[in-house]
């Protein structure tokens, strides 16, 4: 997990281009999603974290976004109910 506040924009874009960063998450809400998600783009920089796999995000206790990862979210939700 990489916090957005701990990485400069040049390095961030470089890692995204190399596919080292594929997913973004909200540290406070414990939600992760794609980098193109409109919900994720609106979050505050200090709450934003990055992952390279969904497994990494899940291991840290994050759940899938209900907007951009709808199928994964439904599986997650059904698993808890």
N, C-alpha and C. Protein backbone atom coordinates (compact mmCIF):
# COMPACT_ATOMS: atom_id res chain seq x y z
N UNK A 1 0.85 -1.17 0.00
CA UNK A 1 0.00 0.00 0.00
C UNK A 1 0.90 1.24 0.00
N UNK A 2 0.57 2.17 -0.86
CA UNK A 2 1.32 3.41 -0.98
C UNK A 2 0.36 4.57 -0.70
N UNK A 3 0.71 5.41 0.26
CA UNK A 3 -0.11 6.59 0.54
C UNK A 3 0.21 7.67 -0.48
N UNK A 4 -0.83 8.35 -0.94
CA UNK A 4 -0.65 9.40 -1.95
C UNK A 4 0.22 10.54 -1.42
N UNK A 5 0.14 10.81 -0.14
CA UNK A 5 0.93 11.90 0.43
C UNK A 5 2.42 11.55 0.51
N UNK A 6 2.77 10.26 0.37
CA UNK A 6 4.16 9.83 0.47
C UNK A 6 4.85 9.67 -0.89
N UNK A 7 4.18 10.07 -1.97
CA UNK A 7 4.74 9.89 -3.31
C UNK A 7 4.45 11.15 -4.12
N UNK A 8 5.43 11.61 -4.89
CA UNK A 8 5.18 12.79 -5.72
C UNK A 8 4.47 12.38 -7.01
N UNK A 9 3.88 13.34 -7.68
CA UNK A 9 3.06 13.05 -8.86
C UNK A 9 3.85 12.42 -10.00
N UNK A 10 5.09 12.82 -10.18
CA UNK A 10 5.91 12.25 -11.25
C UNK A 10 6.12 10.76 -11.02
N UNK A 11 6.48 10.39 -9.80
CA UNK A 11 6.68 8.98 -9.47
C UNK A 11 5.37 8.20 -9.53
N UNK A 12 4.29 8.82 -9.12
CA UNK A 12 2.97 8.19 -9.19
C UNK A 12 2.61 7.84 -10.62
N UNK A 13 2.74 8.79 -11.55
CA UNK A 13 2.42 8.54 -12.95
C UNK A 13 3.35 7.49 -13.55
N UNK A 14 4.60 7.50 -13.14
CA UNK A 14 5.56 6.51 -13.63
C UNK A 14 5.14 5.09 -13.19
N UNK A 15 4.72 4.97 -11.94
CA UNK A 15 4.30 3.65 -11.44
C UNK A 15 2.99 3.18 -12.07
N UNK A 16 2.09 4.12 -12.34
CA UNK A 16 0.84 3.76 -13.02
C UNK A 16 1.14 3.27 -14.43
N UNK A 17 2.03 3.96 -15.11
CA UNK A 17 2.40 3.57 -16.48
C UNK A 17 3.05 2.20 -16.51
N UNK A 18 3.85 1.86 -15.49
CA UNK A 18 4.51 0.56 -15.42
C UNK A 18 3.61 -0.52 -14.83
N UNK A 19 2.35 -0.18 -14.52
CA UNK A 19 1.35 -1.09 -13.96
C UNK A 19 1.73 -1.57 -12.55
N UNK A 20 2.53 -0.78 -11.84
CA UNK A 20 2.84 -1.09 -10.45
C UNK A 20 1.71 -0.62 -9.54
N UNK A 21 0.95 0.36 -10.01
CA UNK A 21 -0.23 0.85 -9.30
C UNK A 21 -1.41 0.67 -10.24
N UNK A 22 -2.42 -0.10 -9.79
CA UNK A 22 -3.57 -0.40 -10.64
C UNK A 22 -4.88 0.02 -9.96
N UNK A 23 -4.89 0.01 -8.63
CA UNK A 23 -6.11 0.34 -7.88
C UNK A 23 -5.83 1.45 -6.88
N UNK A 24 -6.87 2.22 -6.59
CA UNK A 24 -6.79 3.26 -5.58
C UNK A 24 -7.79 2.96 -4.48
N UNK A 25 -7.54 3.50 -3.29
CA UNK A 25 -8.46 3.25 -2.18
C UNK A 25 -8.57 4.43 -1.26
N UNK A 26 -9.60 4.38 -0.43
CA UNK A 26 -9.82 5.41 0.58
C UNK A 26 -9.45 4.82 1.93
N UNK A 27 -8.44 5.37 2.56
CA UNK A 27 -7.91 4.86 3.81
C UNK A 27 -8.93 4.92 4.94
N UNK A 28 -9.74 5.97 4.98
CA UNK A 28 -10.74 6.12 6.05
C UNK A 28 -11.93 5.19 5.87
N UNK A 29 -12.41 5.06 4.65
CA UNK A 29 -13.60 4.25 4.39
C UNK A 29 -13.29 2.78 4.11
N UNK A 30 -12.00 2.47 3.88
CA UNK A 30 -11.56 1.11 3.57
C UNK A 30 -12.25 0.56 2.32
N UNK A 31 -12.27 1.38 1.25
CA UNK A 31 -12.86 1.01 -0.03
C UNK A 31 -11.78 1.15 -1.10
N UNK A 32 -11.71 0.18 -2.03
CA UNK A 32 -10.76 0.29 -3.14
C UNK A 32 -11.51 0.17 -4.46
N UNK A 33 -10.94 0.74 -5.52
CA UNK A 33 -11.55 0.69 -6.85
C UNK A 33 -10.53 1.01 -7.92
N UNK A 34 -11.01 1.11 -9.15
CA UNK A 34 -10.12 1.40 -10.27
C UNK A 34 -9.68 2.86 -10.22
N UNK A 35 -8.62 3.15 -10.91
CA UNK A 35 -8.11 4.52 -10.93
C UNK A 35 -9.00 5.46 -11.74
N UNK A 36 -9.87 4.91 -12.59
CA UNK A 36 -10.76 5.72 -13.41
C UNK A 36 -12.09 6.01 -12.73
N UNK A 37 -12.34 5.47 -11.57
CA UNK A 37 -13.63 5.62 -10.88
C UNK A 37 -13.87 7.07 -10.49
N UNK A 38 -15.06 7.57 -10.79
CA UNK A 38 -15.41 8.95 -10.45
C UNK A 38 -15.45 9.17 -8.96
N UNK A 39 -15.89 8.17 -8.21
CA UNK A 39 -15.94 8.30 -6.75
C UNK A 39 -14.53 8.44 -6.18
N UNK A 40 -13.60 7.66 -6.69
CA UNK A 40 -12.23 7.71 -6.20
C UNK A 40 -11.53 9.01 -6.54
N UNK A 41 -11.86 9.59 -7.68
CA UNK A 41 -11.22 10.84 -8.08
C UNK A 41 -11.63 12.02 -7.20
N UNK A 42 -12.76 11.89 -6.49
CA UNK A 42 -13.26 12.98 -5.66
C UNK A 42 -12.69 12.96 -4.25
N UNK A 43 -12.03 11.88 -3.85
CA UNK A 43 -11.57 11.79 -2.46
C UNK A 43 -10.38 12.71 -2.19
N UNK A 44 -10.19 13.04 -0.96
CA UNK A 44 -9.08 13.90 -0.55
C UNK A 44 -7.77 13.14 -0.71
N UNK A 45 -6.73 13.87 -1.08
CA UNK A 45 -5.41 13.29 -1.28
C UNK A 45 -4.90 12.60 -0.02
N UNK A 46 -5.14 13.18 1.13
CA UNK A 46 -4.62 12.58 2.36
C UNK A 46 -5.31 11.26 2.72
N UNK A 47 -6.46 10.97 2.12
CA UNK A 47 -7.15 9.70 2.37
C UNK A 47 -6.85 8.65 1.30
N UNK A 48 -6.18 9.04 0.22
CA UNK A 48 -5.98 8.15 -0.93
C UNK A 48 -4.75 7.26 -0.76
N UNK A 49 -4.94 5.97 -1.07
CA UNK A 49 -3.85 4.99 -1.07
C UNK A 49 -3.91 4.21 -2.38
N UNK A 50 -2.82 3.54 -2.71
CA UNK A 50 -2.74 2.81 -3.98
C UNK A 50 -2.30 1.37 -3.75
N UNK A 51 -2.80 0.47 -4.62
CA UNK A 51 -2.48 -0.95 -4.55
C UNK A 51 -2.13 -1.44 -5.96
N UNK A 52 -1.40 -2.55 -6.01
CA UNK A 52 -1.14 -3.13 -7.33
C UNK A 52 -2.02 -4.34 -7.62
N UNK A 53 -2.66 -4.92 -6.59
CA UNK A 53 -3.58 -6.04 -6.81
C UNK A 53 -4.79 -5.91 -5.88
N UNK A 54 -5.87 -6.57 -6.27
CA UNK A 54 -7.05 -6.60 -5.40
C UNK A 54 -6.77 -7.42 -4.15
N UNK A 55 -5.93 -8.45 -4.29
CA UNK A 55 -5.59 -9.28 -3.13
C UNK A 55 -4.89 -8.47 -2.05
N UNK A 56 -4.02 -7.56 -2.46
CA UNK A 56 -3.32 -6.70 -1.52
C UNK A 56 -4.33 -5.83 -0.77
N UNK A 57 -5.29 -5.27 -1.48
CA UNK A 57 -6.30 -4.41 -0.85
C UNK A 57 -7.17 -5.23 0.11
N UNK A 58 -7.60 -6.40 -0.33
CA UNK A 58 -8.45 -7.25 0.52
C UNK A 58 -7.72 -7.70 1.78
N UNK A 59 -6.43 -8.01 1.65
CA UNK A 59 -5.64 -8.47 2.79
C UNK A 59 -5.55 -7.37 3.86
N UNK A 60 -5.57 -6.12 3.42
CA UNK A 60 -5.50 -4.99 4.34
C UNK A 60 -6.88 -4.56 4.85
N UNK A 61 -7.94 -5.31 4.49
CA UNK A 61 -9.27 -5.03 5.01
C UNK A 61 -10.11 -4.08 4.19
N UNK A 62 -9.73 -3.80 2.94
CA UNK A 62 -10.52 -2.93 2.08
C UNK A 62 -11.58 -3.74 1.35
N UNK A 63 -12.70 -3.10 1.04
CA UNK A 63 -13.77 -3.75 0.28
C UNK A 63 -13.86 -3.12 -1.11
N UNK A 64 -14.43 -3.86 -2.09
CA UNK A 64 -14.56 -3.32 -3.45
C UNK A 64 -15.55 -2.15 -3.52
N UNK A 65 -15.30 -1.25 -4.44
CA UNK A 65 -16.19 -0.11 -4.70
C UNK A 65 -17.48 -0.59 -5.34
N UNK A 66 -18.60 -0.04 -4.91
CA UNK A 66 -19.90 -0.41 -5.47
C UNK A 66 -20.16 0.20 -6.83
N UNK A 67 -19.37 1.18 -7.26
CA UNK A 67 -19.57 1.82 -8.56
C UNK A 67 -18.74 1.16 -9.65
N UNK A 68 -17.44 1.14 -9.49
CA UNK A 68 -16.57 0.67 -10.57
C UNK A 68 -16.29 -0.84 -10.52
N UNK A 69 -16.48 -1.45 -9.37
CA UNK A 69 -16.27 -2.89 -9.23
C UNK A 69 -17.56 -3.55 -8.74
N UNK A 70 -18.63 -3.26 -9.45
CA UNK A 70 -19.96 -3.69 -9.03
C UNK A 70 -20.07 -5.20 -8.80
N UNK A 71 -19.52 -6.01 -9.69
CA UNK A 71 -19.61 -7.47 -9.55
C UNK A 71 -18.88 -7.93 -8.29
N UNK A 72 -17.65 -7.44 -8.10
CA UNK A 72 -16.89 -7.80 -6.90
C UNK A 72 -17.58 -7.31 -5.63
N UNK A 73 -18.19 -6.14 -5.72
CA UNK A 73 -18.91 -5.59 -4.57
C UNK A 73 -20.09 -6.49 -4.19
N UNK A 74 -20.84 -6.96 -5.19
CA UNK A 74 -21.99 -7.83 -4.91
C UNK A 74 -21.53 -9.14 -4.28
N UNK A 75 -20.43 -9.69 -4.75
CA UNK A 75 -19.88 -10.92 -4.16
C UNK A 75 -19.46 -10.65 -2.72
N UNK A 76 -18.78 -9.54 -2.49
CA UNK A 76 -18.37 -9.17 -1.13
C UNK A 76 -19.57 -8.99 -0.23
N UNK A 77 -20.59 -8.29 -0.71
CA UNK A 77 -21.78 -8.01 0.08
C UNK A 77 -22.53 -9.31 0.42
N UNK A 78 -22.69 -10.18 -0.55
CA UNK A 78 -23.38 -11.44 -0.32
C UNK A 78 -22.61 -12.35 0.64
N UNK A 79 -21.31 -12.20 0.66
CA UNK A 79 -20.50 -12.98 1.58
C UNK A 79 -20.66 -12.56 3.03
N UNK A 80 -21.04 -11.30 3.26
CA UNK A 80 -21.22 -10.81 4.62
C UNK A 80 -22.62 -10.99 5.16
N UNK A 81 -23.58 -11.12 4.26
CA UNK A 81 -24.99 -11.21 4.70
C UNK A 81 -25.34 -12.65 5.02
